[in-house]
Amino acid sequence: MFLRRGAYGAAGLGLLSSGLLVACSDDKTSTSSGSGAKDFGALNYQLSWVKNSEFSGTYIADDRGYFKDAGFSSVNLISGGPNVQQDAVVQSGKALLGISTPDITASAINKGADLIIIGAQYQKNPFCVMSLAKTPINTPEEMKGKKIGVQAVNEPVWNAFLTANKIDPASITKVTVQFNPEPLTTGEVDGWFSFITNEPNTLKAQGIDTVTFLLNDFNYPLVSETYMVKKSTLSGGDRAKLKAAMIADIKGWRVSVTDATIGAKLAAEKYGKDLKLDAKEQELEVTAETALILTEDTKANGIFTITDKQIEESIATLKLAGVDITKEKLFDLSLLTEIYSENPDLKKSPV
């Protein structure tokens, strides 16, 4: 089952060592919403995709009652998908917050939406080029003369990536494919464009070894799985409610990055049960996404934080893809700064 959306904008137009996966099974840090309130009512939370393990930390926060402890009577995790415009849902007020990507949110802002990014789950762009281990492609230069499978919806990112690395598109044979990576396994293509969290783990679960390189490591850095909210939420009466939600989510993700099995099991057996997910494959995906979430920067500054350098790099990468916006219009990290100032225990590295 190939549950993967396409390129950024489609909806709106290494691994950790096993030693890191044995940490605490619950987050015992004491926190405060800073609001003094404990009756926020229902929380509507828009996800960027279907309910697979991509949202493992949020499942943990809900399942373990972190949102309830923060003052929410119930949590409505709204599934995303190819026909869901998550930024529009938040803009309409039907959800307090949502997960998106910088280009979708930036494009919406440039069209007049009252949105802003307040943090990022992924510190690294999850797009990669995958190849079979027996015939590896380790760098962009090594793609020359090869056949690379690229989904039509991902072509804007693909083209921008080639531009960033000064590679002539004519030097590579681009093959239009869907999301099932079988053409790579049969030799129809030499490489495959995908999220590092998805197709590589689909094949790994089948016993097929692959090699990947991240676009992020070759001139295409971009934070992803970004939290977006209405700007008015940050300055209005719902700021305390948003802060409480983010604290609960941080607590859930602090657990997720210490043990991939917890969120994977929740995805397969509870939140994404209807998708008939394989728990072992979902565990591989959680482990892969943890490597995008838990970096030296987030270990030092706190989960979801974004450095000034990452903001500058993300703005430059968006421009390569034809999305021109200033950092002031796209990012506001004041809420995370406030959360970690008031809750220093949450800032400590979870591993």
Protein backbone atom coordinates (compact mmCIF):
# COMPACT_ATOMS: atom_id res chain seq x y z
CA MET A 1 0.00 0.00 0.00
CA PHE A 2 1.68 3.20 -1.15
CA LEU A 3 0.35 5.97 1.06
CA ARG A 4 2.37 8.95 -0.04
CA ARG A 5 1.35 12.37 -1.23
CA GLY A 6 3.24 14.07 -3.98
CA ALA A 7 5.28 17.21 -4.13
CA TYR A 8 4.90 20.17 -1.85
CA GLY A 9 1.96 22.18 -3.07
CA ALA A 10 0.04 19.24 -4.52
CA ALA A 11 -2.79 19.59 -2.02
CA GLY A 12 -3.19 23.29 -2.46
CA LEU A 13 -2.92 24.06 -6.17
CA GLY A 14 19.94 8.12 8.49
CA LEU A 15 18.31 6.22 10.96
CA LEU A 16 18.80 6.36 14.71
CA SER A 17 20.83 3.59 16.25
CA SER A 18 18.93 0.90 18.12
CA GLY A 19 20.50 2.17 21.31
CA LEU A 20 18.45 5.34 21.06
CA LEU A 21 15.20 3.42 20.85
CA VAL A 22 15.19 2.19 24.42
CA ALA A 23 14.63 5.42 26.30
CA CYS A 24 11.72 6.26 28.57
CA SER A 25 8.28 5.10 27.45
CA ASP A 26 6.59 8.21 28.83
CA ASP A 27 7.53 11.86 29.16
CA LYS A 28 7.52 12.84 32.83
CA THR A 29 8.47 16.49 32.40
CA SER A 30 6.28 18.91 34.30
CA THR A 31 4.78 21.58 32.10
CA SER A 32 2.45 24.50 32.24
CA SER A 33 0.33 25.97 29.47
CA GLY A 34 1.07 29.36 30.94
CA SER A 35 -2.60 30.26 30.60
CA GLY A 36 -4.04 29.21 33.95
CA ALA A 37 -7.01 27.84 31.99
CA LYS A 38 -8.03 24.18 31.87
CA ASP A 39 -11.20 24.30 29.78
CA PHE A 40 -10.30 24.88 26.14
CA GLY A 41 -13.07 22.68 24.77
CA ALA A 42 -12.49 20.57 21.66
CA LEU A 43 -9.26 20.76 19.66
CA ASN A 44 -9.56 20.53 15.89
CA TYR A 45 -6.17 19.59 14.44
CA GLN A 46 -5.69 19.27 10.67
CA LEU A 47 -3.18 16.64 9.54
CA SER A 48 -1.31 16.96 6.26
CA TRP A 49 -1.94 13.41 5.10
CA VAL A 50 -3.82 10.20 5.88
CA LYS A 51 -3.46 8.73 9.34
CA ASN A 52 -0.30 6.71 8.90
CA SER A 53 2.69 6.79 11.25
CA GLU A 54 3.73 10.23 9.98
CA PHE A 55 1.87 11.68 12.96
CA SER A 56 3.07 9.21 15.58
CA GLY A 57 3.91 11.82 18.21
CA THR A 58 0.47 13.39 17.96
CA TYR A 59 -1.18 9.99 18.34
CA ILE A 60 0.85 9.43 21.50
CA ALA A 61 -0.16 12.84 22.86
CA ASP A 62 -3.80 12.00 22.29
CA ASP A 63 -3.65 8.38 23.44
CA ARG A 64 -1.80 9.23 26.66
CA GLY A 65 -4.06 12.12 27.55
CA TYR A 66 -1.55 14.94 27.09
CA PHE A 67 -4.09 17.06 25.24
CA LYS A 68 -6.70 16.32 27.91
CA ASP A 69 -4.22 17.27 30.63
CA ALA A 70 -3.60 20.53 28.77
CA GLY A 71 -7.28 21.43 29.02
CA PHE A 72 -8.94 19.97 25.91
CA SER A 73 -12.17 18.05 26.34
CA SER A 74 -11.62 16.15 23.09
CA VAL A 75 -9.27 16.01 20.11
CA ASN A 76 -10.40 15.79 16.49
CA LEU A 77 -7.46 14.74 14.33
CA ILE A 78 -8.68 15.62 10.85
CA SER A 79 -7.27 13.36 8.18
CA GLY A 80 -5.57 14.94 5.19
CA GLY A 81 -5.17 13.48 1.73
CA PRO A 82 -4.79 14.33 -1.95
CA ASN A 83 -8.10 16.20 -2.03
CA VAL A 84 -7.68 18.09 1.25
CA GLN A 85 -6.34 21.64 1.26
CA GLN A 86 -5.09 21.72 4.82
CA ASP A 87 -4.11 25.38 4.80
CA ALA A 88 -7.59 26.33 3.66
CA VAL A 89 -9.10 24.36 6.56
CA VAL A 90 -7.05 26.34 9.08
CA GLN A 91 -7.68 29.62 7.26
CA SER A 92 -11.43 28.96 7.46
CA GLY A 93 -11.25 28.47 11.22
CA LYS A 94 -12.34 24.83 11.07
CA ALA A 95 -9.05 23.81 12.70
CA LEU A 96 -6.93 25.66 15.24
CA LEU A 97 -3.68 24.41 13.72
CA GLY A 98 -2.49 22.17 10.95
CA ILE A 99 0.49 20.44 9.42
CA SER A 100 1.61 21.59 5.98
CA THR A 101 4.75 22.44 4.02
CA PRO A 102 6.43 25.83 3.52
CA ASP A 103 5.61 26.13 -0.16
CA ILE A 104 1.90 25.41 0.31
CA THR A 105 1.67 27.92 3.16
CA ALA A 106 3.83 30.50 1.38
CA SER A 107 1.70 30.26 -1.76
CA ALA A 108 -1.46 30.70 0.32
CA ILE A 109 0.01 33.73 2.09
CA ASN A 110 1.03 35.27 -1.23
CA LYS A 111 -2.62 34.90 -2.29
CA GLY A 112 -3.82 36.73 0.83
CA ALA A 113 -4.23 34.01 3.45
CA ASP A 114 -3.80 35.04 7.10
CA LEU A 115 -1.37 32.20 7.90
CA ILE A 116 2.06 31.82 9.49
CA ILE A 117 4.45 28.95 10.26
CA ILE A 118 5.21 28.55 13.97
CA GLY A 119 7.47 25.46 13.95
CA ALA A 120 8.57 22.40 12.02
CA GLN A 121 8.49 18.70 12.77
CA TYR A 122 11.08 17.87 10.09
CA GLN A 123 14.32 19.82 10.19
CA LYS A 124 15.35 18.29 6.88
CA ASN A 125 13.64 18.05 3.50
CA PRO A 126 12.36 14.43 3.35
CA PHE A 127 12.68 14.09 -0.44
CA CYS A 128 15.39 11.69 -1.57
CA VAL A 129 16.67 9.75 -4.54
CA MET A 130 16.59 6.01 -3.90
CA SER A 131 18.51 3.30 -5.74
CA LEU A 132 19.17 -0.38 -5.23
CA ALA A 133 22.12 -1.16 -2.97
CA LYS A 134 23.68 -3.34 -5.65
CA THR A 135 23.68 -0.42 -8.12
CA PRO A 136 23.87 2.65 -5.87
CA ILE A 137 23.45 6.28 -6.85
CA ASN A 138 25.11 8.28 -4.09
CA THR A 139 25.12 11.87 -5.40
CA PRO A 140 23.24 14.06 -7.87
CA GLU A 141 26.20 13.86 -10.27
CA GLU A 142 25.87 10.09 -10.35
CA MET A 143 22.32 10.44 -11.75
CA LYS A 144 23.75 11.55 -15.09
CA GLY A 145 23.21 8.95 -17.78
CA LYS A 146 20.69 7.11 -15.56
CA LYS A 147 16.94 6.62 -15.69
CA ILE A 148 15.18 8.18 -12.70
CA GLY A 149 11.54 7.52 -11.86
CA VAL A 150 9.73 10.76 -10.97
CA GLN A 151 6.02 11.16 -10.23
CA ALA A 152 4.34 13.85 -12.34
CA VAL A 153 3.17 15.70 -9.25
CA ASN A 154 6.76 15.86 -7.99
CA GLU A 155 8.25 17.38 -11.13
CA PRO A 156 8.39 20.98 -9.75
CA VAL A 157 10.61 19.84 -6.88
CA TRP A 158 12.65 17.61 -9.21
CA ASN A 159 13.26 20.46 -11.65
CA ALA A 160 14.20 22.90 -8.90
CA PHE A 161 16.59 20.33 -7.43
CA LEU A 162 18.35 19.92 -10.77
CA THR A 163 18.64 23.70 -11.05
CA ALA A 164 20.09 23.93 -7.53
CA ASN A 165 22.78 21.42 -8.49
CA LYS A 166 23.39 22.86 -11.97
CA ILE A 167 22.49 19.61 -13.67
CA ASP A 168 21.25 19.67 -17.27
CA PRO A 169 17.89 17.81 -17.32
CA ALA A 170 18.89 16.36 -20.70
CA SER A 171 21.74 14.46 -19.00
CA ILE A 172 19.18 12.29 -17.14
CA THR A 173 16.36 10.19 -18.52
CA LYS A 174 13.32 11.12 -16.46
CA VAL A 175 10.67 8.39 -16.44
CA THR A 176 7.18 9.36 -15.31
CA VAL A 177 5.99 6.87 -12.69
CA GLN A 178 3.36 6.43 -10.00
CA PHE A 179 4.22 5.72 -6.34
CA ASN A 180 4.69 1.94 -6.38
CA PRO A 181 8.49 1.51 -6.64
CA GLU A 182 8.29 -1.81 -8.48
CA PRO A 183 9.91 -0.30 -11.63
CA LEU A 184 13.07 0.20 -9.57
CA THR A 185 13.12 -3.42 -8.44
CA THR A 186 12.61 -4.72 -11.99
CA GLY A 187 15.33 -2.53 -13.50
CA GLU A 188 13.02 -0.29 -15.53
CA VAL A 189 14.64 2.69 -13.79
CA ASP A 190 17.94 3.15 -11.98
CA GLY A 191 16.72 5.60 -9.35
CA TRP A 192 13.49 6.64 -7.66
CA PHE A 193 12.28 10.02 -6.38
CA SER A 194 10.47 9.68 -3.04
CA PHE A 195 10.20 10.62 0.61
CA ILE A 196 12.95 8.89 2.57
CA THR A 197 10.35 7.83 5.12
CA ASN A 198 8.19 5.91 2.66
CA GLU A 199 9.20 3.89 -0.41
CA PRO A 200 12.67 2.96 0.94
CA ASN A 201 10.99 1.40 3.95
CA THR A 202 8.34 -0.27 1.81
CA LEU A 203 11.16 -2.08 -0.01
CA LYS A 204 13.11 -2.72 3.19
CA ALA A 205 10.08 -4.46 4.65
CA GLN A 206 10.17 -6.71 1.56
CA GLY A 207 13.84 -7.53 2.16
CA ILE A 208 15.13 -5.27 -0.63
CA ASP A 209 18.17 -3.17 0.29
CA THR A 210 18.38 0.36 -1.05
CA VAL A 211 20.64 3.39 -0.90
CA THR A 212 19.32 6.93 -0.59
CA PHE A 213 20.58 10.48 -0.59
CA LEU A 214 18.57 13.41 0.72
CA LEU A 215 17.94 16.48 -1.42
CA ASN A 216 18.50 18.39 1.80
CA ASP A 217 22.17 17.37 1.76
CA PHE A 218 22.70 18.56 -1.81
CA ASN A 219 21.74 22.21 -2.13
CA TYR A 220 18.01 21.81 -1.47
CA PRO A 221 17.48 22.36 2.29
CA LEU A 222 13.92 22.96 3.43
CA VAL A 223 12.15 22.39 6.74
CA SER A 224 8.99 20.35 6.38
CA GLU A 225 5.87 19.09 8.14
CA THR A 226 5.46 22.64 9.35
CA TYR A 227 2.89 23.87 11.86
CA MET A 228 0.75 26.61 10.39
CA VAL A 229 -1.90 28.70 12.14
CA LYS A 230 -3.79 31.91 11.48
CA LYS A 231 -1.71 34.95 12.36
CA SER A 232 -4.64 36.26 14.34
CA THR A 233 -4.45 33.14 16.56
CA LEU A 234 -1.00 34.20 17.75
CA SER A 235 -2.13 37.71 18.66
CA GLY A 236 -5.69 36.96 19.75
CA GLY A 237 -7.51 35.18 22.53
CA ASP A 238 -6.68 31.70 21.22
CA ARG A 239 -2.92 32.05 21.77
CA ALA A 240 -3.16 30.31 25.16
CA LYS A 241 -5.18 27.51 23.60
CA LEU A 242 -2.61 27.11 20.84
CA LYS A 243 0.22 27.10 23.36
CA ALA A 244 -1.46 24.34 25.35
CA ALA A 245 -1.93 22.26 22.19
CA MET A 246 1.69 22.68 21.16
CA ILE A 247 2.97 21.72 24.61
CA ALA A 248 0.90 18.53 24.52
CA ASP A 249 2.15 17.73 21.03
CA ILE A 250 5.76 18.33 22.03
CA LYS A 251 5.32 15.87 24.90
CA GLY A 252 3.96 13.25 22.51
CA TRP A 253 6.80 13.69 20.05
CA ARG A 254 9.37 13.53 22.85
CA VAL A 255 8.11 10.00 23.48
CA SER A 256 7.95 9.09 19.79
CA VAL A 257 11.60 9.88 19.11
CA THR A 258 12.68 7.56 21.94
CA ASP A 259 10.73 4.48 20.83
CA ALA A 260 9.49 3.96 17.28
CA THR A 261 7.25 1.05 18.23
CA ILE A 262 4.76 3.14 20.23
CA GLY A 263 3.52 5.46 17.50
CA ALA A 264 3.79 2.76 14.84
CA LYS A 265 1.48 0.50 16.83
CA LEU A 266 -1.00 3.32 17.40
CA ALA A 267 -1.01 4.12 13.67
CA ALA A 268 -1.56 0.51 12.64
CA GLU A 269 -4.00 -0.56 15.34
CA LYS A 270 -5.93 2.59 16.23
CA TYR A 271 -5.67 5.84 14.30
CA GLY A 272 -4.95 4.36 10.86
CA LYS A 273 -6.63 1.01 11.42
CA ASP A 274 -8.85 1.39 8.35
CA LEU A 275 -5.74 1.78 6.18
CA LYS A 276 -4.62 -1.78 7.02
CA LEU A 277 -1.07 -0.63 7.75
CA ASP A 278 1.75 -3.04 8.52
CA ALA A 279 3.07 -2.27 12.01
CA LYS A 280 6.64 -3.33 11.21
CA GLU A 281 6.79 -1.11 8.15
CA GLN A 282 5.27 1.75 10.12
CA GLU A 283 8.00 1.28 12.73
CA LEU A 284 10.63 1.68 10.01
CA GLU A 285 8.92 4.88 8.89
CA VAL A 286 8.83 6.33 12.40
CA THR A 287 12.53 5.55 12.79
CA ALA A 288 13.29 7.28 9.49
CA GLU A 289 11.28 10.36 10.36
CA THR A 290 12.95 10.55 13.76
CA ALA A 291 16.24 11.15 11.96
CA LEU A 292 14.61 14.18 10.30
CA ILE A 293 13.15 15.45 13.59
CA LEU A 294 15.89 14.89 16.13
CA THR A 295 18.98 16.82 15.03
CA GLU A 296 21.77 18.48 16.97
CA ASP A 297 19.82 21.74 16.72
CA THR A 298 16.56 20.34 18.11
CA LYS A 299 18.45 18.44 20.80
CA ALA A 300 19.84 21.79 21.91
CA ASN A 301 16.88 24.09 21.22
CA GLY A 302 13.81 21.88 21.53
CA ILE A 303 11.62 19.84 19.19
CA PHE A 304 9.95 21.82 16.36
CA THR A 305 12.38 24.76 16.64
CA ILE A 306 13.93 26.21 13.49
CA THR A 307 17.28 28.00 13.43
CA ASP A 308 17.84 31.33 11.69
CA LYS A 309 20.10 29.52 9.21
CA GLN A 310 17.35 27.02 8.37
CA ILE A 311 14.89 29.84 7.81
CA GLU A 312 17.26 31.59 5.42
CA GLU A 313 17.97 28.33 3.59
CA SER A 314 14.28 27.48 3.33
CA ILE A 315 13.44 30.89 1.90
CA ALA A 316 16.21 30.47 -0.72
CA THR A 317 15.03 26.95 -1.61
CA LEU A 318 11.44 28.15 -2.04
CA LYS A 319 12.69 30.83 -4.41
CA LEU A 320 14.37 28.12 -6.52
CA ALA A 321 10.96 26.50 -6.81
CA GLY A 322 9.37 29.79 -7.88
CA VAL A 323 7.86 30.75 -4.51
CA ASP A 324 9.10 34.19 -3.46
CA ILE A 325 8.34 35.29 0.11
CA THR A 326 10.12 37.01 3.00
CA LYS A 327 10.97 35.20 6.20
CA GLU A 328 8.91 37.70 8.20
CA LYS A 329 5.78 36.82 6.24
CA LEU A 330 6.30 33.08 6.54
CA PHE A 331 7.77 32.37 9.99
CA ASP A 332 6.98 33.42 13.57
CA LEU A 333 8.69 31.29 16.22
CA SER A 334 7.71 33.47 19.18
CA LEU A 335 5.30 30.88 20.60
CA LEU A 336 7.94 28.14 20.72
CA THR A 337 10.38 30.58 22.31
CA GLU A 338 7.76 31.32 24.95
CA ILE A 339 6.98 27.63 25.54
CA TYR A 340 10.59 26.62 26.05
CA SER A 341 11.30 29.65 28.23
CA GLU A 342 8.40 28.72 30.53
CA ASN A 343 9.02 24.96 30.36
CA PRO A 344 12.80 24.41 30.37
CA ASP A 345 12.43 20.67 31.03
CA LEU A 346 10.80 20.30 27.61
CA LYS A 347 13.87 21.84 26.02
CA LYS A 348 16.13 19.09 27.29
CA SER A 349 17.07 16.48 24.70
CA PRO A 350 14.74 13.45 25.05
CA VAL A 351 17.60 11.04 24.25
